[in-house]
Amino acid sequence: MMKIRRSHDRGHARHGWLESFHSFSFAGYYDPRHMGFRRLRVINQDLIAPSSGFPTHPHRDMEIISYLVEGQLAHRDSMGHTEVITRGEVQYMSAGTGVAHSEYNPSLDERAHLLQIWIEPQQLGLKPRYAQRSFLKEFEGGGLVQVLSPDGAAGSLEIHQDARLHIAWPKEKSSIMLPLKKDRHGWLQVVRGEIAIGDQVLGPGDAAAISGEENPVLEASAQSEFLFFDLA
């Protein structure tokens, strides 16, 4: 079974310096039909204006992932991390018992385009944790790259949940098999290009929730980019 979530059906907010698209209910956008998918709670596509960003704010008991599509993002947190995230990097923060952080676009003339992702942890009250890694060389190969897993397999970042995140930048006219078992659930989020899966064609911002299918195959008709979540 596959259910499509079209880009134009997402929540949309403009805050001057920030334009955001919400796949699931978030902040001022509420839709009881779209509260999340399994343990995947938030996918926000954020466009941050130059020299702007989120001031210091708290989180707790959430697994938070940032993925840069364009530009850069400066991160500072109460654990003492001061980092800049760039294209091809994945940032992971386990908020656990509580952490405060800020996110800022340091560029004077380019926007930052990113996906902010929240996944509910398996356990509450964990010790906060931070990790960041560049997967640029792997992405440039065009195949599926595992960037998050519960056991850190294949050099992926380790997350406190039975969830795996794969990212791919497939080349034009390529096929990719998604590693999904029938008893698990997948969320496919397209960032760029055009992806065909089953009898559906997905474009930028479109998504598909997949259940009860094993190893579905997608076709990229143009150079594309997508995220695939494998969830319990």
Protein backbone atom coordinates (compact mmCIF):
# COMPACT_ATOMS: atom_id res chain seq x y z
CA MET A 1 0.00 0.00 0.00
CA MET A 2 1.25 3.46 -0.88
CA LYS A 3 -0.21 6.83 0.04
CA ILE A 4 1.03 9.99 -1.67
CA ARG A 5 1.56 13.30 0.14
CA ARG A 6 1.86 16.06 -2.46
CA SER A 7 4.08 19.07 -1.92
CA HIS A 8 1.24 21.57 -2.41
CA ASP A 9 -0.83 19.86 0.31
CA ARG A 10 1.77 20.48 3.02
CA GLY A 11 1.48 23.18 5.63
CA HIS A 12 3.13 26.45 4.60
CA ALA A 13 4.34 29.37 6.71
CA ARG A 14 6.18 32.62 5.98
CA HIS A 15 7.94 34.53 8.75
CA GLY A 16 9.88 37.12 6.75
CA TRP A 17 13.33 35.58 7.13
CA LEU A 18 11.94 32.02 7.08
CA GLU A 19 9.75 30.11 4.65
CA SER A 20 8.78 26.65 5.83
CA PHE A 21 6.80 23.70 4.45
CA HIS A 22 5.48 21.14 6.96
CA SER A 23 4.86 17.51 5.95
CA PHE A 24 3.23 16.94 9.35
CA SER A 25 1.42 19.13 11.86
CA PHE A 26 3.84 21.62 13.36
CA ALA A 27 3.61 24.95 15.22
CA GLY A 28 0.68 26.92 13.72
CA TYR A 29 -0.12 24.22 11.15
CA TYR A 30 -2.45 21.52 12.44
CA ASP A 31 -4.02 18.69 10.46
CA PRO A 32 -5.23 15.67 12.49
CA ARG A 33 -4.77 13.48 9.38
CA HIS A 34 -1.06 14.30 9.27
CA MET A 35 0.43 14.10 12.77
CA GLY A 36 3.45 12.05 11.72
CA PHE A 37 4.23 8.63 10.28
CA ARG A 38 5.12 5.86 12.73
CA ARG A 39 7.88 7.42 14.88
CA LEU A 40 8.68 10.06 12.27
CA ARG A 41 7.18 13.22 13.75
CA VAL A 42 8.50 16.21 11.75
CA ILE A 43 9.81 16.89 8.26
CA ASN A 44 10.13 20.63 7.72
CA GLN A 45 11.59 22.07 4.53
CA ASP A 46 13.11 25.35 5.70
CA LEU A 47 14.39 28.23 3.56
CA ILE A 48 16.37 30.67 5.73
CA ALA A 49 17.30 34.12 4.46
CA PRO A 50 20.94 35.32 4.60
CA SER A 51 22.17 36.52 8.00
CA SER A 52 19.07 35.09 9.72
CA GLY A 53 18.14 32.10 11.79
CA PHE A 54 16.57 30.51 14.85
CA PRO A 55 17.65 32.06 18.17
CA THR A 56 18.56 29.81 21.08
CA HIS A 57 15.64 27.55 21.99
CA PRO A 58 15.22 24.31 24.00
CA HIS A 59 14.35 20.73 23.03
CA ARG A 60 14.00 17.51 24.97
CA ASP A 61 13.23 13.83 24.30
CA MET A 62 13.51 14.05 20.52
CA GLU A 63 15.99 12.80 17.89
CA ILE A 64 16.70 15.80 15.64
CA ILE A 65 18.33 15.59 12.20
CA SER A 66 19.34 18.44 9.90
CA TYR A 67 20.14 17.84 6.23
CA LEU A 68 21.48 20.68 4.08
CA VAL A 69 20.22 20.97 0.50
CA GLU A 70 21.82 24.36 -0.25
CA GLY A 71 24.00 26.83 1.61
CA GLN A 72 25.28 26.44 5.15
CA LEU A 73 23.98 26.49 8.70
CA ALA A 74 25.87 27.55 11.82
CA HIS A 75 24.96 25.53 14.91
CA ARG A 76 25.69 26.30 18.57
CA ASP A 77 24.36 24.31 21.53
CA SER A 78 24.46 24.04 25.31
CA MET A 79 26.66 20.92 25.05
CA GLY A 80 29.46 23.14 23.78
CA HIS A 81 29.31 22.34 20.08
CA THR A 82 29.91 25.14 17.58
CA GLU A 83 29.72 23.78 14.04
CA VAL A 84 28.86 24.79 10.48
CA ILE A 85 26.85 22.29 8.42
CA THR A 86 27.30 22.31 4.65
CA ARG A 87 26.00 20.47 1.58
CA GLY A 88 26.44 16.71 1.84
CA GLU A 89 26.54 16.70 5.65
CA VAL A 90 24.05 15.21 8.09
CA GLN A 91 23.76 16.58 11.63
CA TYR A 92 22.22 14.53 14.46
CA MET A 93 21.29 15.70 17.93
CA SER A 94 19.62 13.61 20.61
CA ALA A 95 17.92 16.17 22.86
CA GLY A 96 17.31 13.68 25.69
CA THR A 97 16.97 15.31 29.11
CA GLY A 98 17.27 18.74 27.54
CA VAL A 99 19.45 20.81 25.25
CA ALA A 100 19.30 24.37 23.90
CA HIS A 101 20.66 25.34 20.49
CA SER A 102 20.61 28.05 17.85
CA GLU A 103 20.75 27.74 14.05
CA TYR A 104 21.88 30.61 11.85
CA ASN A 105 22.55 31.17 8.17
CA PRO A 106 25.99 32.87 8.19
CA SER A 107 25.97 33.77 4.49
CA LEU A 108 25.55 37.43 3.53
CA ASP A 109 23.91 36.70 0.18
CA GLU A 110 22.78 33.05 -0.09
CA ARG A 111 19.80 31.37 1.53
CA ALA A 112 20.11 28.15 3.51
CA HIS A 113 17.82 25.35 2.32
CA LEU A 114 17.48 22.38 4.64
CA LEU A 115 15.27 19.63 5.94
CA GLN A 116 14.66 19.56 9.70
CA ILE A 117 13.59 16.10 10.86
CA TRP A 118 12.33 14.91 14.24
CA ILE A 119 12.05 11.24 15.22
CA GLU A 120 10.64 10.14 18.57
CA PRO A 121 13.25 8.22 20.65
CA GLN A 122 12.75 4.70 21.97
CA GLN A 123 13.39 5.90 25.51
CA LEU A 124 12.85 9.17 27.35
CA GLY A 125 15.37 10.90 29.59
CA LEU A 126 18.51 9.93 27.66
CA LYS A 127 21.77 11.84 27.91
CA PRO A 128 21.95 14.50 25.14
CA ARG A 129 24.29 13.63 22.27
CA TYR A 130 25.60 15.28 19.10
CA ALA A 131 27.14 13.93 15.89
CA GLN A 132 27.86 15.25 12.42
CA ARG A 133 29.34 13.66 9.31
CA SER A 134 29.89 14.45 5.65
CA PHE A 135 28.59 11.82 3.23
CA LEU A 136 29.36 13.93 0.15
CA LYS A 137 31.61 11.40 -1.59
CA GLU A 138 29.10 8.60 -1.02
CA PHE A 139 26.19 10.71 -2.29
CA GLU A 140 28.08 11.67 -5.43
CA GLY A 141 28.24 7.98 -6.37
CA GLY A 142 24.49 8.09 -7.05
CA GLY A 143 23.51 5.06 -4.95
CA LEU A 144 21.58 4.66 -1.73
CA VAL A 145 23.61 5.74 1.33
CA GLN A 146 22.62 4.79 4.88
CA VAL A 147 23.22 7.83 7.08
CA LEU A 148 21.29 6.89 10.27
CA SER A 149 20.71 3.56 11.99
CA PRO A 150 20.17 2.18 15.51
CA ASP A 151 23.54 0.40 15.45
CA GLY A 152 25.77 2.77 13.45
CA ALA A 153 26.07 0.23 10.63
CA ALA A 154 28.14 1.04 7.54
CA GLY A 155 29.51 4.24 9.06
CA SER A 156 26.06 5.73 9.68
CA LEU A 157 25.22 7.97 12.62
CA GLU A 158 23.64 6.11 15.52
CA ILE A 159 20.08 7.02 16.52
CA HIS A 160 18.01 6.04 19.59
CA GLN A 161 15.19 4.45 17.60
CA ASP A 162 14.51 1.43 15.39
CA ALA A 163 14.74 3.62 12.31
CA ARG A 164 17.09 3.95 9.36
CA LEU A 165 17.55 6.89 7.05
CA HIS A 166 18.95 6.49 3.56
CA ILE A 167 19.73 9.35 1.16
CA ALA A 168 20.47 9.14 -2.55
CA TRP A 169 21.38 11.50 -5.38
CA PRO A 170 20.49 9.18 -8.28
CA LYS A 171 21.69 10.04 -11.74
CA GLU A 172 19.41 10.42 -14.75
CA LYS A 173 17.66 7.22 -15.90
CA SER A 174 18.70 5.11 -12.93
CA SER A 175 16.88 2.54 -10.78
CA ILE A 176 17.19 2.07 -7.03
CA MET A 177 15.68 -0.68 -4.89
CA LEU A 178 14.54 0.52 -1.47
CA PRO A 179 15.53 -1.82 1.40
CA LEU A 180 12.10 -2.36 2.95
CA LYS A 181 10.58 -5.50 4.47
CA LYS A 182 6.86 -6.22 4.37
CA ASP A 183 6.51 -5.84 8.14
CA ARG A 184 8.10 -2.38 8.14
CA HIS A 185 7.06 1.03 6.86
CA GLY A 186 8.80 3.46 4.54
CA TRP A 187 8.57 7.20 3.99
CA LEU A 188 10.04 8.50 0.72
CA GLN A 189 10.67 12.27 0.59
CA VAL A 190 11.73 13.76 -2.75
CA VAL A 191 14.01 16.81 -2.65
CA ARG A 192 14.90 17.31 -6.33
CA GLY A 193 14.17 15.81 -9.73
CA GLU A 194 11.50 13.29 -10.66
CA ILE A 195 10.97 9.85 -9.14
CA ALA A 196 8.59 7.15 -10.38
CA ILE A 197 7.50 4.48 -7.92
CA GLY A 198 4.72 2.07 -8.79
CA ASP A 199 2.29 4.00 -10.96
CA GLN A 200 3.04 7.32 -9.25
CA VAL A 201 5.45 10.07 -10.28
CA LEU A 202 6.84 12.28 -7.50
CA GLY A 203 8.45 15.69 -7.83
CA PRO A 204 10.23 18.05 -5.41
CA GLY A 205 8.48 18.16 -2.03
CA ASP A 206 6.28 15.14 -2.79
CA ALA A 207 6.35 12.11 -0.51
CA ALA A 208 5.06 8.55 -0.35
CA ALA A 209 4.14 6.49 2.73
CA ILE A 210 4.76 2.81 1.94
CA SER A 211 3.49 -0.18 3.95
CA GLY A 212 3.13 -3.88 3.22
CA GLU A 213 5.56 -3.86 0.31
CA GLU A 214 8.97 -5.49 0.04
CA ASN A 215 11.93 -3.85 -1.67
CA PRO A 216 10.02 -1.46 -3.94
CA VAL A 217 11.98 -0.11 -6.91
CA LEU A 218 11.99 3.51 -7.98
CA GLU A 219 13.11 5.07 -11.24
CA ALA A 220 14.76 8.47 -11.53
CA SER A 221 14.02 9.99 -14.93
CA ALA A 222 16.26 12.99 -14.19
CA GLN A 223 19.11 13.64 -11.78
CA SER A 224 17.33 13.59 -8.43
CA GLU A 225 17.67 13.62 -4.67
CA PHE A 226 15.56 11.89 -2.03
CA LEU A 227 15.43 10.68 1.56
CA PHE A 228 14.05 7.26 2.51
CA PHE A 229 13.08 6.34 6.07
CA ASP A 230 12.78 2.67 7.08
CA LEU A 231 10.58 2.56 10.19
CA ALA A 232 9.27 -0.07 12.59
